[in-house]
């Protein structure tokens, strides 16, 4: 022990083993300010990227279900309906044009356009998060595919509007083909 205290006393102050080197308050304030600036610069691009990803996810989910509905109509030679649905159990009322809460795809065995006990459920979607709106043109509430794969009505369009970025349109033409297109940026 005697040697240790002598050794400590002989070392210059900058080599003292018990002396700790830390950051000053000013260094911590400057580093925190720089970090805050970098975060402020990174958040808008990340928000836009997340919004575009959510839009792409919603677009792909709807397009995939439309293709599924058409192929099931052809496969089973049966009318297949894809309609907006809030609860996943029945089609939304005709006054509700919003699709972001979800939709269902079913074989319309009784031909009334509404999901009922005699119909066969094909798919359910619980909707899309982070999307401002998914709306149909005019009063589009459902897509009805005939056993030939053609639409029972004319062409239908859904527009997916994200919280920021560009919106996207899904158009189903009379013969049941799905086409995607990008719209104007969302403000």
N, C-alpha and C. Protein backbone atom coordinates (compact mmCIF):
# COMPACT_ATOMS: atom_id res chain seq x y z
N UNK A 1 0.81 -1.18 0.00
CA UNK A 1 0.00 0.00 0.00
C UNK A 1 0.86 1.25 0.00
N UNK A 2 1.96 1.14 0.66
CA UNK A 2 2.87 2.27 0.72
C UNK A 2 3.32 2.67 -0.67
N UNK A 3 3.56 1.66 -1.54
CA UNK A 3 4.02 1.94 -2.89
C UNK A 3 2.95 2.63 -3.72
N UNK A 4 1.71 2.27 -3.54
CA UNK A 4 0.62 2.83 -4.33
C UNK A 4 0.46 4.31 -4.05
N UNK A 5 0.48 4.71 -2.83
CA UNK A 5 0.31 6.13 -2.53
C UNK A 5 1.50 6.93 -3.00
N UNK A 6 2.69 6.36 -2.94
CA UNK A 6 3.86 7.08 -3.47
C UNK A 6 3.76 7.21 -4.98
N UNK A 7 3.30 6.16 -5.65
CA UNK A 7 3.17 6.18 -7.10
C UNK A 7 2.16 7.22 -7.54
N UNK A 8 1.06 7.31 -6.85
CA UNK A 8 0.03 8.29 -7.18
C UNK A 8 0.56 9.69 -6.99
N UNK A 9 1.30 9.89 -5.95
CA UNK A 9 1.82 11.22 -5.68
C UNK A 9 2.87 11.63 -6.69
N UNK A 10 3.60 10.70 -7.27
CA UNK A 10 4.66 11.02 -8.22
C UNK A 10 4.14 11.27 -9.63
N UNK A 11 2.94 10.75 -9.96
CA UNK A 11 2.41 10.91 -11.31
C UNK A 11 1.99 12.35 -11.53
N UNK A 12 2.21 12.87 -12.74
CA UNK A 12 1.72 14.21 -13.05
C UNK A 12 0.19 14.21 -12.96
N UNK A 13 -0.39 15.37 -12.78
CA UNK A 13 -1.84 15.45 -12.56
C UNK A 13 -2.65 14.92 -13.74
N UNK A 14 -2.16 15.04 -14.99
CA UNK A 14 -2.92 14.55 -16.13
C UNK A 14 -2.87 13.02 -16.23
N UNK A 15 -2.02 12.33 -15.45
CA UNK A 15 -1.95 10.88 -15.46
C UNK A 15 -2.49 10.28 -14.16
N UNK A 16 -3.08 11.08 -13.36
CA UNK A 16 -3.59 10.62 -12.07
C UNK A 16 -4.66 9.54 -12.31
N UNK A 17 -4.52 8.32 -11.76
CA UNK A 17 -5.45 7.22 -12.06
C UNK A 17 -6.86 7.45 -11.50
N UNK A 18 -7.04 8.29 -10.51
CA UNK A 18 -8.36 8.49 -9.95
C UNK A 18 -9.09 9.67 -10.59
N UNK A 19 -8.45 10.35 -11.51
CA UNK A 19 -9.08 11.50 -12.15
C UNK A 19 -9.91 11.01 -13.34
N UNK A 20 -11.17 11.47 -13.44
CA UNK A 20 -12.07 11.06 -14.51
C UNK A 20 -12.22 12.19 -15.51
N UNK A 21 -12.33 11.84 -16.77
CA UNK A 21 -12.55 12.82 -17.82
C UNK A 21 -13.98 12.67 -18.28
N UNK A 22 -14.80 13.71 -18.23
CA UNK A 22 -16.19 13.67 -18.64
C UNK A 22 -16.49 14.79 -19.61
N UNK A 23 -17.77 14.99 -19.89
CA UNK A 23 -18.19 16.06 -20.78
C UNK A 23 -18.67 17.25 -19.95
N UNK A 24 -18.39 18.39 -20.47
CA UNK A 24 -18.86 19.59 -19.79
C UNK A 24 -20.32 19.81 -20.13
N UNK A 25 -20.96 20.63 -19.35
CA UNK A 25 -22.36 20.96 -19.61
C UNK A 25 -22.53 21.59 -20.98
N UNK A 26 -21.61 22.43 -21.38
CA UNK A 26 -21.68 23.09 -22.68
C UNK A 26 -21.58 22.07 -23.82
N UNK A 27 -20.69 21.09 -23.68
CA UNK A 27 -20.57 20.06 -24.71
C UNK A 27 -21.86 19.25 -24.84
N UNK A 28 -22.48 18.93 -23.72
CA UNK A 28 -23.74 18.18 -23.75
C UNK A 28 -24.86 19.00 -24.37
N UNK A 29 -24.93 20.29 -24.09
CA UNK A 29 -25.96 21.16 -24.67
C UNK A 29 -25.78 21.25 -26.18
N UNK A 30 -24.55 21.43 -26.64
CA UNK A 30 -24.29 21.52 -28.09
C UNK A 30 -24.62 20.20 -28.78
N UNK A 31 -24.23 19.09 -28.19
CA UNK A 31 -24.53 17.78 -28.79
C UNK A 31 -26.04 17.54 -28.85
N UNK A 32 -26.76 17.90 -27.82
CA UNK A 32 -28.21 17.74 -27.80
C UNK A 32 -28.87 18.63 -28.85
N UNK A 33 -28.39 19.84 -29.00
CA UNK A 33 -28.94 20.75 -30.02
C UNK A 33 -28.70 20.20 -31.42
N UNK A 34 -27.51 19.68 -31.68
CA UNK A 34 -27.22 19.10 -33.00
C UNK A 34 -28.11 17.87 -33.26
N UNK A 35 -28.30 17.05 -32.25
CA UNK A 35 -29.17 15.89 -32.39
C UNK A 35 -30.61 16.32 -32.69
N UNK A 36 -31.08 17.34 -32.00
CA UNK A 36 -32.44 17.84 -32.24
C UNK A 36 -32.59 18.36 -33.67
N UNK A 37 -31.60 19.05 -34.18
CA UNK A 37 -31.64 19.56 -35.56
C UNK A 37 -31.68 18.40 -36.55
N UNK A 38 -30.85 17.40 -36.33
CA UNK A 38 -30.84 16.23 -37.23
C UNK A 38 -32.17 15.49 -37.23
N UNK A 39 -32.79 15.37 -36.07
CA UNK A 39 -34.10 14.71 -35.97
C UNK A 39 -35.15 15.52 -36.72
N UNK A 40 -35.12 16.83 -36.58
CA UNK A 40 -36.08 17.69 -37.29
C UNK A 40 -35.93 17.55 -38.80
N UNK A 41 -34.71 17.39 -39.26
CA UNK A 41 -34.48 17.22 -40.70
C UNK A 41 -34.91 15.84 -41.20
N UNK A 42 -34.83 14.83 -40.35
CA UNK A 42 -35.12 13.46 -40.77
C UNK A 42 -36.60 13.10 -40.69
N UNK A 43 -37.36 13.74 -39.81
CA UNK A 43 -38.76 13.34 -39.59
C UNK A 43 -39.64 13.53 -40.83
N UNK A 44 -39.63 14.67 -41.53
CA UNK A 44 -40.52 14.78 -42.71
C UNK A 44 -40.27 13.72 -43.78
N UNK A 45 -39.01 13.45 -44.17
CA UNK A 45 -38.84 12.38 -45.16
C UNK A 45 -39.30 11.01 -44.65
N UNK A 46 -39.09 10.73 -43.38
CA UNK A 46 -39.53 9.45 -42.84
C UNK A 46 -41.06 9.38 -42.80
N UNK A 47 -41.72 10.48 -42.47
CA UNK A 47 -43.18 10.52 -42.45
C UNK A 47 -43.74 10.29 -43.85
N UNK A 48 -43.14 10.94 -44.83
CA UNK A 48 -43.59 10.77 -46.21
C UNK A 48 -43.36 9.33 -46.66
N UNK A 49 -42.23 8.77 -46.31
CA UNK A 49 -41.92 7.38 -46.68
C UNK A 49 -42.93 6.42 -46.05
N UNK A 50 -43.25 6.63 -44.77
CA UNK A 50 -44.24 5.79 -44.09
C UNK A 50 -45.61 5.94 -44.75
N UNK A 51 -46.00 7.15 -45.08
CA UNK A 51 -47.29 7.40 -45.72
C UNK A 51 -47.37 6.70 -47.08
N UNK A 52 -46.29 6.78 -47.85
CA UNK A 52 -46.28 6.11 -49.16
C UNK A 52 -46.33 4.60 -49.01
N UNK A 53 -45.65 4.07 -47.99
CA UNK A 53 -45.70 2.64 -47.74
C UNK A 53 -47.11 2.21 -47.37
N UNK A 54 -47.79 2.99 -46.53
CA UNK A 54 -49.16 2.66 -46.14
C UNK A 54 -50.09 2.72 -47.34
N UNK A 55 -49.90 3.71 -48.22
CA UNK A 55 -50.70 3.80 -49.44
C UNK A 55 -50.47 2.59 -50.33
N UNK A 56 -49.21 2.20 -50.51
CA UNK A 56 -48.90 1.03 -51.34
C UNK A 56 -49.49 -0.25 -50.75
N UNK A 57 -49.42 -0.37 -49.44
CA UNK A 57 -49.98 -1.55 -48.77
C UNK A 57 -51.50 -1.62 -48.99
N UNK A 58 -52.18 -0.49 -48.80
CA UNK A 58 -53.65 -0.46 -49.01
C UNK A 58 -54.00 -0.74 -50.46
N UNK A 59 -53.26 -0.14 -51.38
CA UNK A 59 -53.52 -0.35 -52.81
C UNK A 59 -53.35 -1.81 -53.18
N UNK A 60 -52.27 -2.41 -52.72
CA UNK A 60 -52.00 -3.81 -53.04
C UNK A 60 -53.07 -4.72 -52.45
N UNK A 61 -53.50 -4.44 -51.22
CA UNK A 61 -54.53 -5.27 -50.58
C UNK A 61 -55.84 -5.22 -51.36
N UNK A 62 -56.25 -4.03 -51.77
CA UNK A 62 -57.51 -3.90 -52.52
C UNK A 62 -57.38 -4.55 -53.89
N UNK A 63 -56.29 -4.26 -54.59
CA UNK A 63 -56.09 -4.84 -55.93
C UNK A 63 -56.06 -6.36 -55.86
N UNK A 64 -55.37 -6.91 -54.87
CA UNK A 64 -55.31 -8.38 -54.72
C UNK A 64 -56.70 -8.97 -54.47
N UNK A 65 -57.51 -8.30 -53.65
CA UNK A 65 -58.86 -8.81 -53.38
C UNK A 65 -59.77 -8.67 -54.60
N UNK A 66 -59.57 -7.63 -55.39
CA UNK A 66 -60.36 -7.50 -56.63
C UNK A 66 -60.01 -8.63 -57.61
N UNK A 67 -58.73 -8.92 -57.74
CA UNK A 67 -58.30 -10.02 -58.62
C UNK A 67 -58.83 -11.36 -58.08
N UNK A 68 -58.79 -11.52 -56.75
CA UNK A 68 -59.33 -12.73 -56.14
C UNK A 68 -60.83 -12.87 -56.41
N UNK A 69 -61.57 -11.77 -56.26
CA UNK A 69 -63.02 -11.81 -56.50
C UNK A 69 -63.32 -12.22 -57.94
N UNK A 70 -62.60 -11.64 -58.88
CA UNK A 70 -62.83 -11.98 -60.30
C UNK A 70 -62.49 -13.44 -60.57
N UNK A 71 -61.35 -13.90 -60.05
CA UNK A 71 -60.95 -15.29 -60.31
C UNK A 71 -61.89 -16.29 -59.64
N UNK A 72 -62.41 -15.94 -58.47
CA UNK A 72 -63.38 -16.82 -57.80
C UNK A 72 -64.70 -16.87 -58.57
N UNK A 73 -65.11 -15.76 -59.16
CA UNK A 73 -66.33 -15.75 -59.97
C UNK A 73 -66.18 -16.69 -61.17
N UNK A 74 -65.03 -16.64 -61.80
CA UNK A 74 -64.77 -17.51 -62.96
C UNK A 74 -64.64 -18.97 -62.49
N UNK A 75 -63.90 -19.17 -61.43
CA UNK A 75 -63.63 -20.52 -60.93
C UNK A 75 -64.91 -21.26 -60.53
N UNK A 76 -65.80 -20.59 -59.82
CA UNK A 76 -67.00 -21.24 -59.32
C UNK A 76 -68.23 -20.98 -60.18
N UNK A 77 -68.08 -20.23 -61.28
CA UNK A 77 -69.21 -19.87 -62.14
C UNK A 77 -70.34 -19.30 -61.30
N UNK A 78 -69.99 -18.35 -60.47
CA UNK A 78 -70.92 -17.77 -59.50
C UNK A 78 -70.63 -16.27 -59.37
N UNK A 79 -71.68 -15.47 -59.15
CA UNK A 79 -71.47 -14.04 -58.88
C UNK A 79 -70.65 -13.88 -57.61
N UNK A 80 -69.64 -13.01 -57.67
CA UNK A 80 -68.83 -12.72 -56.49
C UNK A 80 -68.84 -11.21 -56.29
N UNK A 81 -69.06 -10.80 -55.05
CA UNK A 81 -69.17 -9.39 -54.70
C UNK A 81 -68.03 -9.00 -53.77
N UNK A 82 -67.47 -7.83 -54.00
CA UNK A 82 -66.54 -7.21 -53.06
C UNK A 82 -67.17 -5.89 -52.66
N UNK A 83 -67.47 -5.75 -51.36
CA UNK A 83 -68.14 -4.53 -50.90
C UNK A 83 -67.44 -3.96 -49.67
N UNK A 84 -67.64 -2.67 -49.44
CA UNK A 84 -67.09 -2.05 -48.23
C UNK A 84 -67.83 -2.60 -47.03
N UNK A 85 -67.10 -2.77 -45.93
CA UNK A 85 -67.69 -3.33 -44.73
C UNK A 85 -66.97 -2.78 -43.51
N UNK A 86 -67.74 -2.33 -42.55
CA UNK A 86 -67.16 -1.79 -41.32
C UNK A 86 -66.85 -2.90 -40.33
N UNK A 87 -67.69 -3.93 -40.31
CA UNK A 87 -67.54 -4.98 -39.30
C UNK A 87 -67.05 -6.32 -39.84
N UNK A 88 -66.90 -6.45 -41.15
CA UNK A 88 -66.46 -7.72 -41.73
C UNK A 88 -67.54 -8.77 -41.78
N UNK A 89 -68.79 -8.39 -41.47
CA UNK A 89 -69.90 -9.34 -41.45
C UNK A 89 -70.97 -9.02 -42.47
N UNK A 90 -71.04 -7.78 -42.90
CA UNK A 90 -72.06 -7.37 -43.88
C UNK A 90 -71.55 -6.14 -44.65
N UNK A 91 -72.18 -5.92 -45.79
CA UNK A 91 -71.82 -4.75 -46.60
C UNK A 91 -72.29 -3.48 -45.91
N UNK A 92 -71.53 -2.42 -46.07
CA UNK A 92 -71.91 -1.12 -45.50
C UNK A 92 -73.15 -0.60 -46.21
N UNK A 93 -73.92 0.27 -45.56
CA UNK A 93 -75.09 0.86 -46.22
C UNK A 93 -74.67 1.66 -47.45
N UNK A 94 -75.58 1.81 -48.38
CA UNK A 94 -75.26 2.49 -49.63
C UNK A 94 -74.84 3.94 -49.43
N UNK A 95 -75.19 4.55 -48.30
CA UNK A 95 -74.79 5.93 -48.04
C UNK A 95 -73.31 6.03 -47.66
N UNK A 96 -72.68 4.92 -47.31
CA UNK A 96 -71.28 4.92 -46.91
C UNK A 96 -70.39 4.59 -48.10
N UNK A 97 -69.68 5.58 -48.62
CA UNK A 97 -68.79 5.37 -49.76
C UNK A 97 -67.36 5.09 -49.33
N UNK A 98 -67.09 5.11 -48.06
CA UNK A 98 -65.73 4.96 -47.54
C UNK A 98 -65.35 3.48 -47.41
N UNK A 99 -64.15 3.12 -47.91
CA UNK A 99 -63.67 1.75 -47.88
C UNK A 99 -62.53 1.54 -46.89
N UNK A 100 -62.03 2.58 -46.25
CA UNK A 100 -60.83 2.42 -45.43
C UNK A 100 -61.05 1.57 -44.18
N UNK A 101 -62.30 1.38 -43.76
CA UNK A 101 -62.58 0.54 -42.60
C UNK A 101 -62.51 -0.94 -42.91
N UNK A 102 -62.57 -1.28 -44.19
CA UNK A 102 -62.47 -2.68 -44.57
C UNK A 102 -63.45 -3.08 -45.65
N UNK A 103 -63.39 -4.32 -46.06
CA UNK A 103 -64.26 -4.85 -47.11
C UNK A 103 -64.34 -6.36 -46.97
N UNK A 104 -65.34 -6.92 -47.64
CA UNK A 104 -65.49 -8.37 -47.68
C UNK A 104 -65.66 -8.81 -49.14
N UNK A 105 -65.27 -10.04 -49.40
CA UNK A 105 -65.45 -10.67 -50.71
C UNK A 105 -66.25 -11.95 -50.45
N UNK A 106 -67.34 -12.12 -51.20
CA UNK A 106 -68.18 -13.30 -50.97
C UNK A 106 -68.85 -13.75 -52.26
N UNK A 107 -69.17 -15.06 -52.30
CA UNK A 107 -69.97 -15.60 -53.39
C UNK A 107 -71.41 -15.23 -53.10
N UNK A 108 -72.02 -14.52 -54.03
CA UNK A 108 -73.40 -14.04 -53.85
C UNK A 108 -74.36 -15.10 -54.38
N UNK A 109 -74.53 -16.16 -53.64
CA UNK A 109 -75.33 -17.30 -54.07
C UNK A 109 -76.79 -16.94 -54.24
N UNK A 110 -77.35 -16.13 -53.33
CA UNK A 110 -78.76 -15.75 -53.43
C UNK A 110 -78.97 -14.56 -54.38
N UNK A 111 -77.90 -13.95 -54.88
CA UNK A 111 -78.00 -12.90 -55.90
C UNK A 111 -78.54 -11.56 -55.43
N UNK A 112 -78.56 -11.30 -54.12
CA UNK A 112 -79.11 -10.02 -53.65
C UNK A 112 -78.05 -8.94 -53.42
N UNK A 113 -76.78 -9.26 -53.59
CA UNK A 113 -75.73 -8.26 -53.44
C UNK A 113 -75.33 -7.99 -52.00
N UNK A 114 -75.96 -8.67 -51.05
CA UNK A 114 -75.65 -8.51 -49.63
C UNK A 114 -75.17 -9.85 -49.08
N UNK A 115 -74.21 -9.80 -48.19
CA UNK A 115 -73.72 -11.04 -47.58
C UNK A 115 -74.75 -11.57 -46.60
N UNK A 116 -75.15 -12.81 -46.79
CA UNK A 116 -76.15 -13.43 -45.93
C UNK A 116 -75.77 -14.86 -45.59
N UNK A 117 -76.64 -15.55 -44.87
CA UNK A 117 -76.34 -16.91 -44.41
C UNK A 117 -76.13 -17.91 -45.56
N UNK A 118 -76.78 -17.70 -46.70
CA UNK A 118 -76.63 -18.66 -47.80
C UNK A 118 -75.40 -18.38 -48.65
N UNK A 119 -74.75 -17.23 -48.45
CA UNK A 119 -73.57 -16.86 -49.25
C UNK A 119 -72.30 -17.43 -48.63
N UNK A 120 -71.27 -17.56 -49.46
CA UNK A 120 -70.00 -18.12 -49.00
C UNK A 120 -68.97 -16.99 -48.92
N UNK A 121 -68.39 -16.79 -47.73
CA UNK A 121 -67.37 -15.77 -47.52
C UNK A 121 -66.05 -16.23 -48.14
N UNK A 122 -65.45 -15.38 -48.95
CA UNK A 122 -64.18 -15.69 -49.61
C UNK A 122 -63.02 -15.01 -48.89
N UNK A 123 -63.16 -13.74 -48.54
CA UNK A 123 -62.07 -13.00 -47.88
C UNK A 123 -62.64 -11.82 -47.10
N UNK A 124 -61.89 -11.42 -46.06
CA UNK A 124 -62.25 -10.27 -45.23
C UNK A 124 -60.99 -9.43 -45.04
N UNK A 125 -61.14 -8.12 -45.11
CA UNK A 125 -60.04 -7.21 -44.80
C UNK A 125 -60.51 -6.24 -43.73
N UNK A 126 -59.66 -6.00 -42.76
CA UNK A 126 -59.99 -5.08 -41.68
C UNK A 126 -59.63 -3.64 -42.02
N UNK A 127 -59.29 -3.38 -43.25
CA UNK A 127 -59.01 -2.01 -43.66
C UNK A 127 -57.54 -1.66 -43.58
N UNK A 128 -57.28 -0.37 -43.74
CA UNK A 128 -55.92 0.12 -43.82
C UNK A 128 -55.69 1.24 -42.83
N UNK A 129 -54.58 1.19 -42.14
CA UNK A 129 -54.22 2.22 -41.18
C UNK A 129 -53.34 3.27 -41.84
N UNK A 130 -53.42 4.48 -41.36
CA UNK A 130 -52.58 5.55 -41.88
C UNK A 130 -53.07 6.11 -43.21
N UNK A 131 -54.28 5.79 -43.59
CA UNK A 131 -54.85 6.26 -44.85
C UNK A 131 -55.94 7.27 -44.52
N UNK A 132 -55.91 8.40 -45.20
CA UNK A 132 -56.95 9.42 -44.96
C UNK A 132 -58.30 8.94 -45.46
N UNK A 133 -58.31 8.35 -46.67
CA UNK A 133 -59.59 7.94 -47.25
C UNK A 133 -59.38 6.96 -48.38
N UNK A 134 -60.34 6.05 -48.55
CA UNK A 134 -60.44 5.18 -49.73
C UNK A 134 -61.88 5.31 -50.18
N UNK A 135 -62.08 6.01 -51.28
CA UNK A 135 -63.45 6.30 -51.73
C UNK A 135 -63.66 5.85 -53.16
N UNK A 136 -64.89 5.45 -53.41
CA UNK A 136 -65.27 5.04 -54.75
C UNK A 136 -65.83 6.19 -55.56
N UNK A 137 -65.77 6.06 -56.88
CA UNK A 137 -66.36 7.08 -57.75
C UNK A 137 -67.88 7.01 -57.64
N UNK A 138 -68.52 8.14 -57.82
CA UNK A 138 -69.98 8.26 -57.74
C UNK A 138 -70.49 7.56 -56.48
N UNK A 139 -71.33 6.58 -56.64
CA UNK A 139 -71.88 5.88 -55.48
C UNK A 139 -71.38 4.44 -55.41
N UNK A 140 -70.15 4.22 -55.83
CA UNK A 140 -69.59 2.87 -55.84
C UNK A 140 -69.48 2.34 -54.42
N UNK A 141 -70.21 1.29 -54.17
CA UNK A 141 -70.15 0.65 -52.87
C UNK A 141 -69.71 -0.80 -53.00
N UNK A 142 -69.84 -1.35 -54.19
CA UNK A 142 -69.46 -2.75 -54.38
C UNK A 142 -69.02 -3.00 -55.81
N UNK A 143 -68.20 -4.03 -55.95
CA UNK A 143 -67.80 -4.54 -57.25
C UNK A 143 -68.47 -5.90 -57.38
N UNK A 144 -69.21 -6.10 -58.45
CA UNK A 144 -69.90 -7.37 -58.67
C UNK A 144 -69.32 -8.00 -59.93
N UNK A 145 -68.73 -9.19 -59.75
CA UNK A 145 -68.15 -9.92 -60.87
C UNK A 145 -69.08 -11.07 -61.25
N UNK A 146 -69.38 -11.16 -62.53
CA UNK A 146 -70.24 -12.21 -63.05
C UNK A 146 -69.42 -13.49 -63.27
N UNK A 147 -70.04 -14.64 -63.50
CA UNK A 147 -69.30 -15.89 -63.72
C UNK A 147 -68.32 -15.83 -64.89
N UNK A 148 -68.51 -14.89 -65.80
CA UNK A 148 -67.58 -14.73 -66.92
C UNK A 148 -66.35 -13.90 -66.52
N UNK A 149 -66.36 -13.30 -65.33
CA UNK A 149 -65.28 -12.44 -64.89
C UNK A 149 -65.52 -10.97 -65.20
N UNK A 150 -66.59 -10.70 -65.95
CA UNK A 150 -66.91 -9.31 -66.28
C UNK A 150 -67.65 -8.66 -65.11
N UNK A 151 -67.59 -7.33 -65.08
CA UNK A 151 -68.30 -6.58 -64.04
C UNK A 151 -69.79 -6.54 -64.39
N UNK A 152 -70.64 -6.62 -63.38
CA UNK A 152 -72.09 -6.53 -63.60
C UNK A 152 -72.48 -5.11 -64.00
N UNK A 153 -71.75 -4.15 -63.51
CA UNK A 153 -72.02 -2.76 -63.89
C UNK A 153 -70.84 -2.25 -64.73
N UNK A 154 -70.82 -0.98 -64.97
CA UNK A 154 -69.71 -0.41 -65.75
C UNK A 154 -68.43 -0.35 -64.93
N UNK A 155 -67.50 0.42 -65.43
CA UNK A 155 -66.20 0.58 -64.80
C UNK A 155 -66.34 1.20 -63.41
N UNK A 156 -65.48 0.80 -62.48
CA UNK A 156 -65.47 1.36 -61.13
C UNK A 156 -64.08 1.80 -60.74
N UNK A 157 -63.98 2.85 -59.93
CA UNK A 157 -62.69 3.39 -59.50
C UNK A 157 -62.70 3.65 -58.01
N UNK A 158 -61.63 3.26 -57.35
CA UNK A 158 -61.39 3.60 -55.95
C UNK A 158 -60.15 4.47 -55.90
N UNK A 159 -60.17 5.50 -55.04
CA UNK A 159 -59.00 6.35 -54.87
C UNK A 159 -58.51 6.23 -53.44
N UNK A 160 -57.24 5.87 -53.31
CA UNK A 160 -56.60 5.73 -52.01
C UNK A 160 -55.86 7.03 -51.72
N UNK A 161 -56.27 7.75 -50.68
CA UNK A 161 -55.68 9.04 -50.34
C UNK A 161 -54.90 8.88 -49.03
N UNK A 162 -53.56 8.96 -49.10
CA UNK A 162 -52.77 8.85 -47.87
C UNK A 162 -52.78 10.16 -47.09
N UNK A 163 -52.20 10.15 -45.91
CA UNK A 163 -52.14 11.37 -45.11
C UNK A 163 -51.22 12.40 -45.74
N UNK A 164 -50.22 11.98 -46.50
CA UNK A 164 -49.36 12.88 -47.27
C UNK A 164 -48.80 12.11 -48.46
N UNK A 165 -48.36 12.84 -49.47
CA UNK A 165 -47.85 12.19 -50.68
C UNK A 165 -48.92 12.16 -51.76
N UNK A 166 -48.73 11.30 -52.74
CA UNK A 166 -49.67 11.23 -53.85
C UNK A 166 -50.71 10.15 -53.60
N UNK A 167 -51.92 10.41 -54.09
CA UNK A 167 -52.97 9.39 -53.97
C UNK A 167 -52.82 8.41 -55.13
N UNK A 168 -53.52 7.30 -55.03
CA UNK A 168 -53.44 6.27 -56.06
C UNK A 168 -54.84 5.83 -56.40
N UNK A 169 -55.05 5.53 -57.68
CA UNK A 169 -56.36 5.07 -58.15
C UNK A 169 -56.28 3.62 -58.59
N UNK A 170 -57.34 2.91 -58.25
CA UNK A 170 -57.53 1.54 -58.74
C UNK A 170 -58.76 1.58 -59.61
N UNK A 171 -58.60 1.22 -60.86
CA UNK A 171 -59.72 1.21 -61.80
C UNK A 171 -59.97 -0.22 -62.26
N UNK A 172 -61.22 -0.63 -62.19
CA UNK A 172 -61.62 -1.94 -62.70
C UNK A 172 -62.51 -1.68 -63.91
N UNK A 173 -62.06 -2.13 -65.09
CA UNK A 173 -62.85 -1.86 -66.29
C UNK A 173 -63.98 -2.88 -66.43
N UNK A 174 -64.76 -2.72 -67.45
CA UNK A 174 -65.97 -3.54 -67.66
C UNK A 174 -65.67 -5.03 -67.74
N UNK A 175 -64.50 -5.38 -68.28
CA UNK A 175 -64.19 -6.81 -68.39
C UNK A 175 -63.50 -7.36 -67.13
N UNK A 176 -63.34 -6.51 -66.11
CA UNK A 176 -62.83 -6.97 -64.82
C UNK A 176 -61.35 -6.83 -64.62
N UNK A 177 -60.66 -6.16 -65.51
CA UNK A 177 -59.21 -5.96 -65.37
C UNK A 177 -58.92 -4.82 -64.40
N UNK A 178 -57.91 -5.02 -63.55
CA UNK A 178 -57.53 -4.03 -62.55
C UNK A 178 -56.33 -3.24 -63.07
N UNK A 179 -56.43 -1.90 -62.96
CA UNK A 179 -55.35 -1.01 -63.40
C UNK A 179 -55.07 -0.02 -62.28
N UNK A 180 -53.78 0.26 -62.03
CA UNK A 180 -53.36 1.22 -61.02
C UNK A 180 -52.81 2.46 -61.69
N UNK A 181 -53.10 3.62 -61.12
CA UNK A 181 -52.54 4.87 -61.61
C UNK A 181 -52.35 5.83 -60.44
N UNK A 182 -51.38 6.74 -60.57
CA UNK A 182 -51.08 7.71 -59.52
C UNK A 182 -51.78 9.01 -59.82
N UNK A 183 -52.29 9.63 -58.78
CA UNK A 183 -53.02 10.91 -58.92
C UNK A 183 -52.14 12.07 -58.47
N UNK A 184 -52.77 13.20 -58.23
CA UNK A 184 -52.07 14.39 -57.79
C UNK A 184 -51.63 14.28 -56.34
N UNK A 185 -50.59 15.03 -55.97
CA UNK A 185 -50.13 15.00 -54.57
C UNK A 185 -51.22 15.49 -53.62
N UNK A 186 -51.21 14.91 -52.42
CA UNK A 186 -52.14 15.30 -51.37
C UNK A 186 -51.54 16.48 -50.62
N UNK A 187 -52.33 17.48 -50.34
CA UNK A 187 -51.84 18.66 -49.60
C UNK A 187 -51.95 18.43 -48.13
